[in-house]
Amino acid sequence: MYGSGSPLLAFLSSVARQLPELAVTVVGFVVVLGRKPAHPKASSLAAAGLAVALATSLGGAAFYAAAPTLASNPGALGALYAVSGFAFSALDAAALGLLVAAVVADRAPR
């Protein structure tokens, strides 16, 4: 049945499933901030992209753990998942766009 499990358990299991991605994001964030003096624009863009990716991962896990308690019936839950899925996908695309922009930033023309 929808919403029959613990939202905290659902959140923690979702975060556990994402641990490798979260670890790479956090380590990447530390590396990017360490390179900021040498490449300020690229580092800022990469840090912003990684921050959006981290927030999207954790926010998505929290949202999807709480979503079954927000909808009154399975149809409403499906609509909620469809809209939130698009929103989280747009945020993932924004994070990727920032990371791509960081790759080409601070480069001298050839």
Protein backbone atom coordinates (compact mmCIF):
# COMPACT_ATOMS: atom_id res chain seq x y z
CA MET A 1 0.00 0.00 0.00
CA TYR A 2 1.19 3.54 -0.73
CA GLY A 3 2.74 5.28 2.24
CA SER A 4 2.79 2.19 4.43
CA GLY A 5 6.57 2.31 5.06
CA SER A 6 8.54 4.75 7.12
CA PRO A 7 9.49 7.91 5.18
CA LEU A 8 12.80 8.04 7.08
CA LEU A 9 13.63 4.47 6.08
CA ALA A 10 12.70 5.22 2.47
CA PHE A 11 14.94 8.32 2.51
CA LEU A 12 17.88 6.46 4.04
CA SER A 13 17.60 3.57 1.59
CA SER A 14 17.47 6.01 -1.32
CA VAL A 15 20.55 7.83 -0.02
CA ALA A 16 22.33 4.50 0.50
CA ARG A 17 21.62 3.58 -3.12
CA GLN A 18 23.19 6.87 -4.21
CA LEU A 19 26.28 6.68 -1.98
CA PRO A 20 28.82 6.21 -4.80
CA GLU A 21 27.43 9.19 -6.72
CA LEU A 22 27.24 11.30 -3.56
CA ALA A 23 30.84 10.42 -2.66
CA VAL A 24 32.10 11.44 -6.11
CA THR A 25 30.11 14.68 -5.91
CA VAL A 26 31.50 15.61 -2.48
CA VAL A 27 35.09 14.69 -3.41
CA GLY A 28 34.71 16.60 -6.69
CA PHE A 29 33.46 19.60 -4.76
CA VAL A 30 36.54 19.53 -2.50
CA VAL A 31 38.88 19.18 -5.49
CA VAL A 32 37.17 22.00 -7.38
CA LEU A 33 37.37 24.35 -4.41
CA GLY A 34 41.06 23.50 -4.03
CA ARG A 35 41.69 24.57 -7.64
CA LYS A 36 39.76 27.83 -7.33
CA PRO A 37 42.84 30.14 -7.13
CA ALA A 38 44.22 28.77 -10.41
CA HIS A 39 40.92 28.64 -12.30
CA PRO A 40 38.37 30.91 -10.60
CA LYS A 41 35.63 30.96 -13.25
CA ALA A 42 35.80 27.25 -14.08
CA SER A 43 35.92 26.32 -10.39
CA SER A 44 32.93 28.50 -9.58
CA LEU A 45 30.88 26.98 -12.40
CA ALA A 46 31.88 23.45 -11.45
CA ALA A 47 31.16 24.08 -7.76
CA ALA A 48 27.72 25.44 -8.66
CA GLY A 49 27.02 22.42 -10.86
CA LEU A 50 28.12 19.99 -8.17
CA ALA A 51 26.09 21.84 -5.53
CA VAL A 52 22.97 21.64 -7.71
CA ALA A 53 23.64 17.93 -8.34
CA LEU A 54 24.07 17.27 -4.61
CA ALA A 55 20.96 19.24 -3.68
CA THR A 56 18.95 17.47 -6.39
CA SER A 57 20.07 14.04 -5.21
CA LEU A 58 19.28 14.67 -1.56
CA GLY A 59 16.16 16.72 -2.29
CA GLY A 60 14.87 14.04 -4.64
CA ALA A 61 15.45 11.34 -2.05
CA ALA A 62 13.60 13.38 0.57
CA PHE A 63 10.76 14.24 -1.78
CA TYR A 64 10.20 10.71 -3.04
CA ALA A 65 10.27 9.40 0.54
CA ALA A 66 7.59 11.89 1.57
CA ALA A 67 5.53 11.84 -1.66
CA PRO A 68 3.23 8.94 -0.69
CA THR A 69 2.02 10.96 2.30
CA LEU A 70 1.28 13.99 0.10
CA ALA A 71 -1.15 12.33 -2.31
CA SER A 72 -4.62 11.10 -1.43
CA ASN A 73 -4.90 8.36 -4.08
CA PRO A 74 -2.69 6.47 -6.55
CA GLY A 75 -3.76 8.69 -9.48
CA ALA A 76 -2.73 11.84 -7.63
CA LEU A 77 0.53 10.15 -6.62
CA GLY A 78 1.24 9.29 -10.26
CA ALA A 79 0.63 12.91 -11.31
CA LEU A 80 2.85 14.12 -8.47
CA TYR A 81 5.62 11.76 -9.57
CA ALA A 82 5.30 12.88 -13.20
CA VAL A 83 5.59 16.59 -12.37
CA SER A 84 8.36 16.13 -9.82
CA GLY A 85 10.22 13.78 -12.15
CA PHE A 86 10.29 16.49 -14.81
CA ALA A 87 11.40 19.11 -12.26
CA PHE A 88 14.23 16.94 -10.92
CA SER A 89 15.28 16.09 -14.47
CA ALA A 90 15.45 19.82 -15.30
CA LEU A 91 17.63 20.39 -12.22
CA ASP A 92 19.92 17.52 -13.25
CA ALA A 93 20.19 19.09 -16.71
CA ALA A 94 21.08 22.44 -15.13
CA ALA A 95 23.81 20.79 -13.05
CA LEU A 96 25.21 19.08 -16.13
CA GLY A 97 25.07 22.35 -18.07
CA LEU A 98 27.07 24.11 -15.37
CA LEU A 99 29.66 21.32 -15.41
CA VAL A 100 29.97 21.53 -19.20
CA ALA A 101 30.35 25.32 -18.96
CA ALA A 102 33.12 24.79 -16.39
CA VAL A 103 35.01 22.57 -18.83
CA VAL A 104 35.28 25.34 -21.41
CA ALA A 105 35.69 28.27 -19.00
CA ASP A 106 39.06 29.93 -18.37
CA ARG A 107 40.50 28.58 -21.64
CA ALA A 108 42.64 30.73 -23.84
CA PRO A 109 41.76 30.76 -27.54
CA ARG A 110 43.99 28.65 -29.77
